[in-house]
Amino acid sequence: MNDNDVKKYFHEIAHEFDGIYDNQGGIKNKFINKFLRKSLYERVPVSINECGILEKKKVLDIGCGSGRVSFLLAEKGANVTGIDYAKNMIKMAQMYREKSKFKSNVEFFQSDFMTDFDNISKFDISIALGVFDYIENPVSFMQKIKNITTEKFIASFPAKYNLQSTMRKLWLRSRNCPVYFYDENKIMKLFADAGMDTIHIIKLPKNSMFTIDYVVVAQL
């Protein structure tokens, strides 16, 4: 399995994945959203809060999907560039943009961050939610983020050693999509290897016995 498997997966499930944000679907989906995707819903407001004051900040939303997080950042006053390598995701993001009041400070591009994203100017903040789940060797990815970001980097990482990670791994394997999980030691080593030393790790869901996701903040 490789990057092309991930691209194919997200191209095919774009509308299904986007529906999670609106809690769409039948009783089964609503049950899954409530009990198994709680950390997914929490990581968005937590990450935006960790950005701090966003007015006039230049923000890069890597793996922006249909742009849901990008629009929330724009609502806080940021100038947002959203990129995703899934064509159907970007099509949805651009459709939402046409209906949005944030046309002037949100733009979307279909782009693979490592192979064809070559931005000359730098960003104040870079954010990558649900991205490192699918990257086998993330150090070079992190180093590129560091090179184009001046203030802060925020990312999410799925936790290993829980029932949900096992179920998710089996589900994604059945759809030929790789997935990678983390513990705190692996996260610390990754950030150190990428040259990002100052980090803050938040465990999600909050007030839970089991960690499903980590939101990690690096000051650059």
N, C-alpha and C. Protein backbone atom coordinates (compact mmCIF):
# COMPACT_ATOMS: atom_id res chain seq x y z
N MET A 1 0.85 -1.20 0.00
CA MET A 1 0.00 0.00 0.00
C MET A 1 0.88 1.24 0.00
N ASN A 2 0.42 2.34 -0.63
CA ASN A 2 1.22 3.54 -0.75
C ASN A 2 0.33 4.76 -0.76
N ASP A 3 0.93 5.93 -1.09
CA ASP A 3 0.17 7.18 -1.11
C ASP A 3 -1.01 7.13 -2.06
N ASN A 4 -0.84 6.42 -3.17
CA ASN A 4 -1.92 6.34 -4.14
C ASN A 4 -3.15 5.64 -3.56
N ASP A 5 -2.93 4.67 -2.66
CA ASP A 5 -4.05 4.01 -2.00
C ASP A 5 -4.80 4.98 -1.11
N VAL A 6 -4.08 5.86 -0.42
CA VAL A 6 -4.72 6.85 0.44
C VAL A 6 -5.50 7.86 -0.40
N LYS A 7 -4.88 8.33 -1.48
CA LYS A 7 -5.55 9.29 -2.36
C LYS A 7 -6.83 8.70 -2.93
N LYS A 8 -6.76 7.45 -3.36
CA LYS A 8 -7.93 6.79 -3.93
C LYS A 8 -9.03 6.67 -2.89
N TYR A 9 -8.63 6.28 -1.67
CA TYR A 9 -9.60 6.10 -0.59
C TYR A 9 -10.35 7.40 -0.31
N PHE A 10 -9.63 8.50 -0.14
CA PHE A 10 -10.30 9.77 0.20
C PHE A 10 -11.04 10.37 -0.99
N HIS A 11 -10.59 10.09 -2.19
CA HIS A 11 -11.35 10.53 -3.36
C HIS A 11 -12.70 9.83 -3.39
N GLU A 12 -12.72 8.55 -3.04
CA GLU A 12 -13.95 7.76 -3.12
C GLU A 12 -14.91 8.05 -1.98
N ILE A 13 -14.39 8.38 -0.79
CA ILE A 13 -15.28 8.55 0.37
C ILE A 13 -15.48 10.01 0.75
N ALA A 14 -15.17 10.92 -0.15
CA ALA A 14 -15.22 12.35 0.17
C ALA A 14 -16.56 12.77 0.76
N HIS A 15 -17.65 12.45 0.10
CA HIS A 15 -18.97 12.88 0.58
C HIS A 15 -19.33 12.17 1.89
N GLU A 16 -18.96 10.90 1.99
CA GLU A 16 -19.23 10.15 3.22
C GLU A 16 -18.49 10.76 4.41
N PHE A 17 -17.21 11.10 4.20
CA PHE A 17 -16.42 11.68 5.28
C PHE A 17 -16.92 13.07 5.65
N ASP A 18 -17.24 13.87 4.65
CA ASP A 18 -17.75 15.22 4.91
C ASP A 18 -19.02 15.18 5.74
N GLY A 19 -19.84 14.16 5.54
CA GLY A 19 -21.10 14.05 6.27
C GLY A 19 -20.93 13.87 7.77
N ILE A 20 -19.74 13.44 8.19
CA ILE A 20 -19.48 13.26 9.62
C ILE A 20 -19.66 14.58 10.37
N TYR A 21 -19.23 15.68 9.75
CA TYR A 21 -19.28 16.98 10.42
C TYR A 21 -20.72 17.43 10.70
N ASP A 22 -21.65 16.98 9.87
CA ASP A 22 -23.06 17.34 10.07
C ASP A 22 -23.85 16.23 10.74
N ASN A 23 -23.12 15.18 11.19
CA ASN A 23 -23.75 14.04 11.85
C ASN A 23 -24.85 13.44 10.96
N GLN A 24 -24.52 13.28 9.67
CA GLN A 24 -25.47 12.73 8.73
C GLN A 24 -25.48 11.21 8.79
N GLY A 25 -26.50 10.61 8.18
CA GLY A 25 -26.61 9.16 8.12
C GLY A 25 -27.69 8.62 9.03
N GLY A 26 -27.81 7.30 9.04
CA GLY A 26 -28.83 6.64 9.83
C GLY A 26 -28.45 6.47 11.28
N ILE A 27 -29.22 5.64 11.98
CA ILE A 27 -28.99 5.41 13.41
C ILE A 27 -27.59 4.85 13.66
N LYS A 28 -27.15 3.94 12.80
CA LYS A 28 -25.82 3.33 12.97
C LYS A 28 -24.73 4.40 12.92
N ASN A 29 -24.81 5.27 11.90
CA ASN A 29 -23.79 6.32 11.76
C ASN A 29 -23.82 7.29 12.93
N LYS A 30 -25.01 7.63 13.38
CA LYS A 30 -25.12 8.57 14.50
C LYS A 30 -24.55 7.95 15.78
N PHE A 31 -24.74 6.64 15.95
CA PHE A 31 -24.17 5.94 17.10
C PHE A 31 -22.65 5.98 17.03
N ILE A 32 -22.10 5.66 15.85
CA ILE A 32 -20.65 5.68 15.66
C ILE A 32 -20.09 7.08 15.91
N ASN A 33 -20.78 8.10 15.39
CA ASN A 33 -20.32 9.48 15.57
C ASN A 33 -20.27 9.86 17.04
N LYS A 34 -21.30 9.46 17.79
CA LYS A 34 -21.40 9.86 19.19
C LYS A 34 -20.38 9.17 20.07
N PHE A 35 -20.18 7.87 19.84
CA PHE A 35 -19.36 7.10 20.78
C PHE A 35 -17.95 6.78 20.26
N LEU A 36 -17.75 6.78 18.95
CA LEU A 36 -16.44 6.40 18.42
C LEU A 36 -15.71 7.55 17.74
N ARG A 37 -16.40 8.67 17.51
CA ARG A 37 -15.76 9.80 16.85
C ARG A 37 -15.74 11.04 17.72
N LYS A 38 -15.88 10.85 19.01
CA LYS A 38 -15.92 11.99 19.92
C LYS A 38 -14.64 12.81 19.83
N SER A 39 -13.50 12.14 19.75
CA SER A 39 -12.23 12.86 19.69
C SER A 39 -12.09 13.63 18.38
N LEU A 40 -12.68 13.11 17.29
CA LEU A 40 -12.64 13.82 16.01
C LEU A 40 -13.38 15.15 16.12
N TYR A 41 -14.53 15.13 16.80
CA TYR A 41 -15.29 16.36 16.98
C TYR A 41 -14.57 17.32 17.92
N GLU A 42 -13.88 16.80 18.92
CA GLU A 42 -13.21 17.66 19.90
C GLU A 42 -11.95 18.30 19.35
N ARG A 43 -11.25 17.58 18.46
CA ARG A 43 -9.93 18.07 18.05
C ARG A 43 -10.02 19.37 17.25
N VAL A 44 -11.13 19.62 16.60
CA VAL A 44 -11.25 20.85 15.81
C VAL A 44 -11.29 22.09 16.71
N PRO A 45 -12.22 22.21 17.67
CA PRO A 45 -12.21 23.40 18.52
C PRO A 45 -10.95 23.51 19.38
N VAL A 46 -10.43 22.37 19.82
CA VAL A 46 -9.19 22.39 20.60
C VAL A 46 -8.05 22.97 19.77
N SER A 47 -7.92 22.52 18.54
CA SER A 47 -6.84 22.98 17.66
C SER A 47 -6.98 24.46 17.33
N ILE A 48 -8.19 24.90 17.05
CA ILE A 48 -8.41 26.32 16.74
C ILE A 48 -8.09 27.18 17.95
N ASN A 49 -8.48 26.71 19.13
CA ASN A 49 -8.16 27.46 20.35
C ASN A 49 -6.65 27.57 20.55
N GLU A 50 -5.92 26.50 20.22
CA GLU A 50 -4.46 26.51 20.39
C GLU A 50 -3.77 27.45 19.40
N CYS A 51 -4.46 27.82 18.33
CA CYS A 51 -3.89 28.77 17.36
C CYS A 51 -3.69 30.15 17.98
N GLY A 52 -4.51 30.47 18.99
CA GLY A 52 -4.43 31.80 19.58
C GLY A 52 -5.16 32.83 18.72
N ILE A 53 -4.69 34.06 18.77
CA ILE A 53 -5.32 35.13 17.98
C ILE A 53 -5.03 34.90 16.50
N LEU A 54 -6.10 34.82 15.72
CA LEU A 54 -5.96 34.48 14.30
C LEU A 54 -6.15 35.66 13.36
N GLU A 55 -6.55 36.79 13.85
CA GLU A 55 -6.81 37.95 13.01
C GLU A 55 -5.58 38.29 12.16
N LYS A 56 -5.77 38.26 10.84
CA LYS A 56 -4.75 38.61 9.85
C LYS A 56 -3.60 37.60 9.76
N LYS A 57 -3.71 36.49 10.45
CA LYS A 57 -2.67 35.47 10.36
C LYS A 57 -2.80 34.69 9.05
N LYS A 58 -1.66 34.29 8.49
CA LYS A 58 -1.64 33.43 7.31
C LYS A 58 -1.56 31.98 7.80
N VAL A 59 -2.57 31.19 7.43
CA VAL A 59 -2.67 29.82 7.95
C VAL A 59 -2.72 28.83 6.79
N LEU A 60 -1.94 27.77 6.88
CA LEU A 60 -1.97 26.69 5.91
C LEU A 60 -2.69 25.50 6.55
N ASP A 61 -3.77 25.07 5.91
CA ASP A 61 -4.54 23.91 6.37
C ASP A 61 -4.21 22.73 5.46
N ILE A 62 -3.31 21.87 5.94
CA ILE A 62 -2.84 20.72 5.16
C ILE A 62 -3.81 19.56 5.34
N GLY A 63 -4.23 18.96 4.23
CA GLY A 63 -5.24 17.92 4.30
C GLY A 63 -6.58 18.51 4.69
N CYS A 64 -6.93 19.60 4.02
CA CYS A 64 -8.11 20.39 4.43
C CYS A 64 -9.43 19.70 4.17
N GLY A 65 -9.42 18.63 3.36
CA GLY A 65 -10.67 17.95 3.05
C GLY A 65 -11.66 18.89 2.39
N SER A 66 -12.88 18.89 2.89
CA SER A 66 -13.93 19.74 2.31
C SER A 66 -13.89 21.17 2.85
N GLY A 67 -12.87 21.49 3.64
CA GLY A 67 -12.66 22.88 4.06
C GLY A 67 -13.35 23.28 5.35
N ARG A 68 -13.89 22.31 6.09
CA ARG A 68 -14.64 22.67 7.30
C ARG A 68 -13.78 23.44 8.30
N VAL A 69 -12.56 22.98 8.54
CA VAL A 69 -11.67 23.66 9.49
C VAL A 69 -11.20 24.99 8.91
N SER A 70 -10.94 25.02 7.63
CA SER A 70 -10.49 26.25 6.97
C SER A 70 -11.49 27.39 7.17
N PHE A 71 -12.77 27.09 7.03
CA PHE A 71 -13.79 28.13 7.19
C PHE A 71 -13.88 28.61 8.64
N LEU A 72 -13.68 27.70 9.59
CA LEU A 72 -13.70 28.10 11.00
C LEU A 72 -12.51 29.01 11.32
N LEU A 73 -11.37 28.71 10.72
CA LEU A 73 -10.19 29.57 10.89
C LEU A 73 -10.44 30.94 10.27
N ALA A 74 -11.06 30.95 9.09
CA ALA A 74 -11.36 32.21 8.41
C ALA A 74 -12.35 33.04 9.21
N GLU A 75 -13.27 32.36 9.86
CA GLU A 75 -14.26 33.07 10.69
C GLU A 75 -13.59 33.82 11.83
N LYS A 76 -12.43 33.33 12.26
CA LYS A 76 -11.66 33.98 13.32
C LYS A 76 -10.74 35.07 12.77
N GLY A 77 -10.80 35.32 11.47
CA GLY A 77 -10.02 36.41 10.89
C GLY A 77 -8.77 36.00 10.15
N ALA A 78 -8.50 34.69 10.04
CA ALA A 78 -7.29 34.23 9.37
C ALA A 78 -7.44 34.27 7.86
N ASN A 79 -6.31 34.40 7.17
CA ASN A 79 -6.25 34.22 5.73
C ASN A 79 -5.75 32.80 5.47
N VAL A 80 -6.61 31.96 4.93
CA VAL A 80 -6.37 30.52 4.94
C VAL A 80 -6.13 29.98 3.53
N THR A 81 -5.10 29.15 3.43
CA THR A 81 -4.86 28.35 2.22
C THR A 81 -5.08 26.89 2.59
N GLY A 82 -6.04 26.25 1.94
CA GLY A 82 -6.32 24.84 2.20
C GLY A 82 -5.85 23.99 1.04
N ILE A 83 -5.12 22.91 1.36
CA ILE A 83 -4.67 22.00 0.30
C ILE A 83 -5.06 20.57 0.65
N ASP A 84 -5.37 19.80 -0.37
CA ASP A 84 -5.69 18.38 -0.19
C ASP A 84 -5.42 17.69 -1.52
N TYR A 85 -4.95 16.43 -1.45
CA TYR A 85 -4.65 15.75 -2.71
C TYR A 85 -5.82 14.95 -3.26
N ALA A 86 -6.96 14.94 -2.56
CA ALA A 86 -8.14 14.25 -3.06
C ALA A 86 -8.99 15.22 -3.87
N LYS A 87 -9.15 14.93 -5.14
CA LYS A 87 -9.86 15.83 -6.05
C LYS A 87 -11.28 16.13 -5.59
N ASN A 88 -12.01 15.10 -5.16
CA ASN A 88 -13.40 15.29 -4.75
C ASN A 88 -13.52 16.13 -3.48
N MET A 89 -12.52 16.03 -2.60
CA MET A 89 -12.51 16.86 -1.40
C MET A 89 -12.40 18.34 -1.77
N ILE A 90 -11.47 18.65 -2.67
CA ILE A 90 -11.28 20.04 -3.07
C ILE A 90 -12.48 20.55 -3.84
N LYS A 91 -13.11 19.72 -4.63
CA LYS A 91 -14.32 20.13 -5.34
C LYS A 91 -15.40 20.57 -4.36
N MET A 92 -15.55 19.80 -3.26
CA MET A 92 -16.53 20.17 -2.24
C MET A 92 -16.13 21.47 -1.54
N ALA A 93 -14.84 21.59 -1.20
CA ALA A 93 -14.36 22.80 -0.53
C ALA A 93 -14.62 24.03 -1.39
N GLN A 94 -14.35 23.93 -2.68
CA GLN A 94 -14.57 25.07 -3.57
C GLN A 94 -16.06 25.38 -3.73
N MET A 95 -16.89 24.33 -3.70
CA MET A 95 -18.34 24.54 -3.76
C MET A 95 -18.82 25.28 -2.52
N TYR A 96 -18.33 24.86 -1.34
CA TYR A 96 -18.70 25.54 -0.10
C TYR A 96 -18.20 26.99 -0.10
N ARG A 97 -17.02 27.19 -0.69
CA ARG A 97 -16.44 28.54 -0.72
C ARG A 97 -17.34 29.48 -1.52
N GLU A 98 -17.90 29.00 -2.62
CA GLU A 98 -18.76 29.84 -3.45
C GLU A 98 -20.01 30.29 -2.69
N LYS A 99 -20.42 29.49 -1.70
CA LYS A 99 -21.61 29.82 -0.91
C LYS A 99 -21.25 30.55 0.38
N SER A 100 -19.95 30.73 0.60
CA SER A 100 -19.48 31.28 1.87
C SER A 100 -19.30 32.79 1.80
N LYS A 101 -19.28 33.41 2.96
CA LYS A 101 -19.00 34.85 3.04
C LYS A 101 -17.51 35.11 3.22
N PHE A 102 -16.69 34.03 3.15
CA PHE A 102 -15.25 34.18 3.39
C PHE A 102 -14.44 33.99 2.11
N LYS A 103 -15.03 34.29 0.95
CA LYS A 103 -14.33 34.11 -0.32
C LYS A 103 -13.00 34.85 -0.37
N SER A 104 -12.95 36.01 0.24
CA SER A 104 -11.76 36.85 0.13
C SER A 104 -10.59 36.35 0.95
N ASN A 105 -10.84 35.53 1.98
CA ASN A 105 -9.71 35.07 2.79
C ASN A 105 -9.61 33.56 2.94
N VAL A 106 -10.21 32.80 1.99
CA VAL A 106 -10.02 31.35 1.93
C VAL A 106 -9.81 30.95 0.48
N GLU A 107 -8.78 30.14 0.24
CA GLU A 107 -8.56 29.58 -1.09
C GLU A 107 -8.16 28.12 -0.95
N PHE A 108 -8.52 27.33 -1.95
CA PHE A 108 -8.27 25.89 -1.91
C PHE A 108 -7.54 25.44 -3.17
N PHE A 109 -6.63 24.47 -2.98
CA PHE A 109 -5.88 23.92 -4.10
C PHE A 109 -5.78 22.40 -3.95
N GLN A 110 -5.93 21.70 -5.06
CA GLN A 110 -5.63 20.28 -5.05
C GLN A 110 -4.12 20.15 -5.18
N SER A 111 -3.48 19.61 -4.16
CA SER A 111 -2.03 19.59 -4.15
C SER A 111 -1.52 18.52 -3.19
N ASP A 112 -0.47 17.83 -3.59
CA ASP A 112 0.24 16.92 -2.70
C ASP A 112 1.33 17.74 -2.01
N PHE A 113 1.26 17.85 -0.70
CA PHE A 113 2.15 18.73 0.04
C PHE A 113 3.62 18.44 -0.23
N MET A 114 3.99 17.16 -0.35
CA MET A 114 5.39 16.80 -0.50
C MET A 114 5.90 16.89 -1.93
N THR A 115 5.04 16.69 -2.91
CA THR A 115 5.53 16.59 -4.29
C THR A 115 5.24 17.79 -5.17
N ASP A 116 4.13 18.50 -4.93
CA ASP A 116 3.83 19.61 -5.84
C ASP A 116 3.34 20.88 -5.14
N PHE A 117 3.55 20.97 -3.83
CA PHE A 117 3.22 22.21 -3.14
C PHE A 117 4.51 23.00 -2.94
N ASP A 118 4.67 24.05 -3.71
CA ASP A 118 5.90 24.85 -3.68
C ASP A 118 5.53 26.31 -3.45
N ASN A 119 5.27 26.65 -2.20
CA ASN A 119 4.83 27.99 -1.86
C ASN A 119 6.05 28.86 -1.49
N ILE A 120 6.16 29.99 -2.12
CA ILE A 120 7.32 30.86 -1.88
C ILE A 120 7.21 31.57 -0.53
N SER A 121 6.05 32.16 -0.26
CA SER A 121 5.88 32.88 1.00
C SER A 121 5.63 31.91 2.15
N LYS A 122 5.87 32.39 3.37
CA LYS A 122 5.70 31.53 4.53
C LYS A 122 4.36 31.79 5.22
N PHE A 123 3.99 30.84 6.08
CA PHE A 123 2.75 30.93 6.84
C PHE A 123 3.06 31.16 8.31
N ASP A 124 2.18 31.89 8.98
CA ASP A 124 2.35 32.07 10.42
C ASP A 124 2.06 30.77 11.16
N ILE A 125 1.01 30.08 10.75
CA ILE A 125 0.57 28.85 11.40
C ILE A 125 0.28 27.80 10.35
N SER A 126 0.72 26.57 10.59
CA SER A 126 0.32 25.43 9.77
C SER A 126 -0.43 24.44 10.65
N ILE A 127 -1.47 23.85 10.08
CA ILE A 127 -2.29 22.91 10.83
C ILE A 127 -2.52 21.67 9.97
N ALA A 128 -2.46 20.49 10.59
CA ALA A 128 -2.64 19.23 9.86
C ALA A 128 -3.42 18.27 10.75
N LEU A 129 -4.72 18.24 10.56
CA LEU A 129 -5.59 17.36 11.36
C LEU A 129 -5.97 16.14 10.54
N GLY A 130 -5.76 14.96 11.09
CA GLY A 130 -6.09 13.73 10.39
C GLY A 130 -5.17 13.45 9.22
N VAL A 131 -3.95 13.95 9.26
CA VAL A 131 -3.00 13.78 8.17
C VAL A 131 -1.96 12.70 8.49
N PHE A 132 -1.39 12.75 9.67
CA PHE A 132 -0.31 11.83 10.02
C PHE A 132 -0.79 10.40 10.24
N ASP A 133 -2.10 10.22 10.26
CA ASP A 133 -2.69 8.88 10.29
C ASP A 133 -2.24 8.07 9.07
N TYR A 134 -1.90 8.75 7.97
CA TYR A 134 -1.70 8.07 6.70
C TYR A 134 -0.30 8.25 6.11
N ILE A 135 0.65 8.75 6.93
CA ILE A 135 2.01 8.97 6.44
C ILE A 135 2.95 7.97 7.10
N GLU A 136 3.59 7.15 6.27
CA GLU A 136 4.46 6.10 6.80
C GLU A 136 5.75 6.67 7.38
N ASN A 137 6.36 7.61 6.67
CA ASN A 137 7.63 8.20 7.11
C ASN A 137 7.46 9.72 7.20
N PRO A 138 7.02 10.22 8.36
CA PRO A 138 6.58 11.62 8.45
C PRO A 138 7.66 12.66 8.73
N VAL A 139 8.92 12.27 8.96
CA VAL A 139 9.92 13.25 9.37
C VAL A 139 10.14 14.32 8.30
N SER A 140 10.32 13.91 7.04
CA SER A 140 10.55 14.89 5.97
C SER A 140 9.33 15.79 5.77
N PHE A 141 8.15 15.23 5.98
CA PHE A 141 6.91 16.00 5.92
C PHE A 141 6.92 17.10 6.97
N MET A 142 7.33 16.73 8.19
CA MET A 142 7.40 17.69 9.30
C MET A 142 8.47 18.75 9.03
N GLN A 143 9.59 18.34 8.48
CA GLN A 143 10.67 19.29 8.22
C GLN A 143 10.25 20.32 7.18
N LYS A 144 9.49 19.91 6.18
CA LYS A 144 9.00 20.86 5.19
C LYS A 144 8.04 21.85 5.84
N ILE A 145 7.18 21.36 6.74
CA ILE A 145 6.28 22.24 7.47
C ILE A 145 7.08 23.27 8.26
N LYS A 146 8.12 22.82 8.94
CA LYS A 146 8.95 23.73 9.73
C LYS A 146 9.56 24.82 8.86
N ASN A 147 9.97 24.46 7.66
CA ASN A 147 10.65 25.40 6.77
C ASN A 147 9.73 26.50 6.25
N ILE A 148 8.41 26.25 6.23
CA ILE A 148 7.50 27.25 5.66
C ILE A 148 6.61 27.89 6.73
N THR A 149 6.85 27.58 8.00
CA THR A 149 6.00 28.08 9.08
C THR A 149 6.83 28.88 10.07
N THR A 150 6.34 30.04 10.48
CA THR A 150 7.15 30.94 11.30
C THR A 150 6.79 30.92 12.79
N GLU A 151 5.53 30.58 13.13
CA GLU A 151 5.12 30.72 14.53
C GLU A 151 4.72 29.41 15.20
N LYS A 152 3.81 28.68 14.60
CA LYS A 152 3.20 27.57 15.32
C LYS A 152 2.75 26.48 14.34
N PHE A 153 2.90 25.23 14.79
CA PHE A 153 2.41 24.09 14.03
C PHE A 153 1.52 23.25 14.93
N ILE A 154 0.33 22.88 14.44
CA ILE A 154 -0.63 22.09 15.22
C ILE A 154 -1.05 20.89 14.39
N ALA A 155 -1.00 19.71 14.99
CA ALA A 155 -1.35 18.49 14.27
C ALA A 155 -2.05 17.51 15.19
N SER A 156 -2.77 16.57 14.59
CA SER A 156 -3.38 15.49 15.36
C SER A 156 -2.70 14.17 15.01
N PHE A 157 -2.69 13.27 15.98
CA PHE A 157 -2.10 11.94 15.80
C PHE A 157 -3.02 10.92 16.47
N PRO A 158 -3.38 9.83 15.76
CA PRO A 158 -4.24 8.81 16.37
C PRO A 158 -3.45 7.94 17.34
N ALA A 159 -4.05 7.66 18.49
CA ALA A 159 -3.38 6.88 19.53
C ALA A 159 -3.49 5.39 19.25
N LYS A 160 -2.45 4.66 19.62
CA LYS A 160 -2.49 3.20 19.49
C LYS A 160 -2.94 2.58 20.81
N TYR A 161 -3.03 1.27 20.82
CA TYR A 161 -3.36 0.50 22.02
C TYR A 161 -4.76 0.79 22.54
N ASN A 162 -5.74 0.86 21.67
CA ASN A 162 -7.12 0.94 22.13
C ASN A 162 -8.01 0.20 21.13
N LEU A 163 -9.21 -0.13 21.58
CA LEU A 163 -10.12 -0.92 20.73
C LEU A 163 -10.44 -0.19 19.44
N GLN A 164 -10.59 1.12 19.52
CA GLN A 164 -10.95 1.88 18.33
C GLN A 164 -9.85 1.83 17.28
N SER A 165 -8.59 1.91 17.71
CA SER A 165 -7.49 1.85 16.74
C SER A 165 -7.45 0.49 16.04
N THR A 166 -7.75 -0.58 16.78
CA THR A 166 -7.79 -1.91 16.19
C THR A 166 -8.90 -2.02 15.16
N MET A 167 -10.10 -1.55 15.53
CA MET A 167 -11.22 -1.58 14.61
C MET A 167 -10.96 -0.74 13.36
N ARG A 168 -10.37 0.41 13.57
CA ARG A 168 -10.09 1.31 12.45
C ARG A 168 -9.07 0.70 11.50
N LYS A 169 -8.05 0.06 12.07
CA LYS A 169 -7.02 -0.56 11.25
C LYS A 169 -7.62 -1.66 10.38
N LEU A 170 -8.48 -2.48 10.96
CA LEU A 170 -9.12 -3.56 10.20
C LEU A 170 -10.02 -3.00 9.10
N TRP A 171 -10.77 -1.94 9.43
CA TRP A 171 -11.68 -1.33 8.46
C TRP A 171 -10.92 -0.74 7.29
N LEU A 172 -9.86 0.03 7.58
CA LEU A 172 -9.11 0.66 6.51
C LEU A 172 -8.33 -0.37 5.69
N ARG A 173 -7.87 -1.42 6.34
CA ARG A 173 -7.17 -2.47 5.59
C ARG A 173 -8.11 -3.12 4.58
N SER A 174 -9.38 -3.26 4.96
CA SER A 174 -10.35 -3.85 4.04
C SER A 174 -10.59 -2.96 2.83
N ARG A 175 -10.23 -1.67 2.95
CA ARG A 175 -10.39 -0.73 1.84
C ARG A 175 -9.04 -0.32 1.26
N ASN A 176 -8.03 -1.13 1.56
CA ASN A 176 -6.67 -0.94 1.01
C ASN A 176 -6.08 0.43 1.33
N CYS A 177 -6.38 0.92 2.53
CA CYS A 177 -5.83 2.21 2.95
C CYS A 177 -4.98 2.01 4.20
N PRO A 178 -3.69 2.38 4.16
CA PRO A 178 -2.84 2.21 5.34
C PRO A 178 -3.19 3.22 6.43
N VAL A 179 -2.86 2.90 7.67
CA VAL A 179 -3.06 3.82 8.78
C VAL A 179 -1.96 3.58 9.80
N TYR A 180 -1.51 4.64 10.47
CA TYR A 180 -0.40 4.55 11.41
C TYR A 180 -0.80 5.21 12.73
N PHE A 181 -0.36 4.59 13.84
CA PHE A 181 -0.77 5.04 15.17
C PHE A 181 0.45 5.43 16.00
N TYR A 182 0.18 6.22 17.07
CA TYR A 182 1.26 6.83 17.84
C TYR A 182 1.02 6.70 19.34
N ASP A 183 2.12 6.70 20.07
CA ASP A 183 2.06 6.94 21.51
C ASP A 183 2.89 8.19 21.80
N GLU A 184 2.91 8.62 23.04
CA GLU A 184 3.59 9.89 23.35
C GLU A 184 5.09 9.84 23.06
N ASN A 185 5.72 8.70 23.32
CA ASN A 185 7.15 8.59 23.05
C ASN A 185 7.45 8.72 21.56
N LYS A 186 6.63 8.09 20.74
CA LYS A 186 6.82 8.16 19.29
C LYS A 186 6.61 9.59 18.79
N ILE A 187 5.64 10.27 19.37
CA ILE A 187 5.38 11.67 19.00
C ILE A 187 6.57 12.56 19.38
N MET A 188 7.06 12.38 20.60
CA MET A 188 8.20 13.18 21.05
C MET A 188 9.42 12.98 20.16
N LYS A 189 9.67 11.72 19.79
CA LYS A 189 10.82 11.42 18.93
C LYS A 189 10.63 12.03 17.54
N LEU A 190 9.41 11.95 17.02
CA LEU A 190 9.13 12.50 15.70
C LEU A 190 9.41 14.01 15.66
N PHE A 191 8.92 14.72 16.67
CA PHE A 191 9.13 16.16 16.70
C PHE A 191 10.60 16.51 16.89
N ALA A 192 11.30 15.73 17.69
CA ALA A 192 12.74 15.97 17.89
C ALA A 192 13.50 15.72 16.59
N ASP A 193 13.17 14.63 15.90
CA ASP A 193 13.84 14.30 14.64
C ASP A 193 13.59 15.37 13.58
N ALA A 194 12.42 16.02 13.66
CA ALA A 194 12.08 17.06 12.69
C ALA A 194 12.62 18.43 13.09
N GLY A 195 13.27 18.50 14.26
CA GLY A 195 13.83 19.76 14.72
C GLY A 195 12.84 20.67 15.39
N MET A 196 11.73 20.10 15.88
CA MET A 196 10.73 20.87 16.63
C MET A 196 10.78 20.37 18.07
N ASP A 197 11.33 21.19 18.94
CA ASP A 197 11.61 20.74 20.30
C ASP A 197 10.53 21.10 21.32
N THR A 198 9.87 22.24 21.13
CA THR A 198 8.91 22.71 22.13
C THR A 198 7.51 22.28 21.73
N ILE A 199 6.95 21.30 22.45
CA ILE A 199 5.63 20.81 22.08
C ILE A 199 4.73 20.67 23.31
N HIS A 200 3.45 20.74 23.02
CA HIS A 200 2.41 20.60 24.04
C HIS A 200 1.46 19.52 23.54
N ILE A 201 1.26 18.47 24.32
CA ILE A 201 0.44 17.33 23.90
C ILE A 201 -0.88 17.33 24.66
N ILE A 202 -1.98 17.31 23.92
CA ILE A 202 -3.33 17.27 24.51
C ILE A 202 -3.98 15.94 24.17
N LYS A 203 -4.47 15.23 25.19
CA LYS A 203 -5.11 13.94 24.98
C LYS A 203 -6.61 14.11 24.79
N LEU A 204 -7.15 13.42 23.77
CA LEU A 204 -8.58 13.47 23.49
C LEU A 204 -9.16 12.06 23.38
N PRO A 205 -10.43 11.88 23.73
CA PRO A 205 -11.37 12.88 24.26
C PRO A 205 -10.96 13.32 25.67
N LYS A 206 -11.32 14.52 26.01
CA LYS A 206 -11.05 15.01 27.35
C LYS A 206 -11.92 14.26 28.35
N ASN A 207 -11.44 14.13 29.58
CA ASN A 207 -12.18 13.46 30.65
C ASN A 207 -12.54 12.03 30.30
N SER A 208 -11.63 11.35 29.59
CA SER A 208 -11.85 9.96 29.21
C SER A 208 -10.71 9.10 29.75
N MET A 209 -11.01 7.84 30.05
CA MET A 209 -9.98 6.92 30.52
C MET A 209 -9.04 6.51 29.39
N PHE A 210 -9.52 6.59 28.16
CA PHE A 210 -8.75 6.11 27.02
C PHE A 210 -8.47 7.24 26.04
N THR A 211 -7.23 7.33 25.59
CA THR A 211 -6.84 8.34 24.61
C THR A 211 -7.07 7.79 23.21
N ILE A 212 -7.80 8.55 22.39
CA ILE A 212 -8.06 8.17 21.01
C ILE A 212 -7.22 9.00 20.06
N ASP A 213 -7.05 10.27 20.37
CA ASP A 213 -6.25 11.18 19.54
C ASP A 213 -5.39 12.08 20.42
N TYR A 214 -4.27 12.50 19.86
CA TYR A 214 -3.45 13.55 20.46
C TYR A 214 -3.50 14.77 19.56
N VAL A 215 -3.65 15.94 20.15
CA VAL A 215 -3.41 17.18 19.44
C VAL A 215 -2.08 17.73 19.97
N VAL A 216 -1.16 18.01 19.04
CA VAL A 216 0.18 18.41 19.42
C VAL A 216 0.48 19.80 18.87
N VAL A 217 1.04 20.64 19.73
CA VAL A 217 1.35 22.03 19.37
C VAL A 217 2.84 22.26 19.46
N ALA A 218 3.42 22.78 18.42
CA ALA A 218 4.85 23.13 18.43
C ALA A 218 5.00 24.63 18.18
N GLN A 219 5.77 25.29 19.04
CA GLN A 219 6.14 26.69 18.83
C GLN A 219 7.39 26.71 17.98
N LEU A 220 7.36 27.45 16.89
CA LEU A 220 8.49 27.45 15.96
C LEU A 220 9.31 28.75 16.05
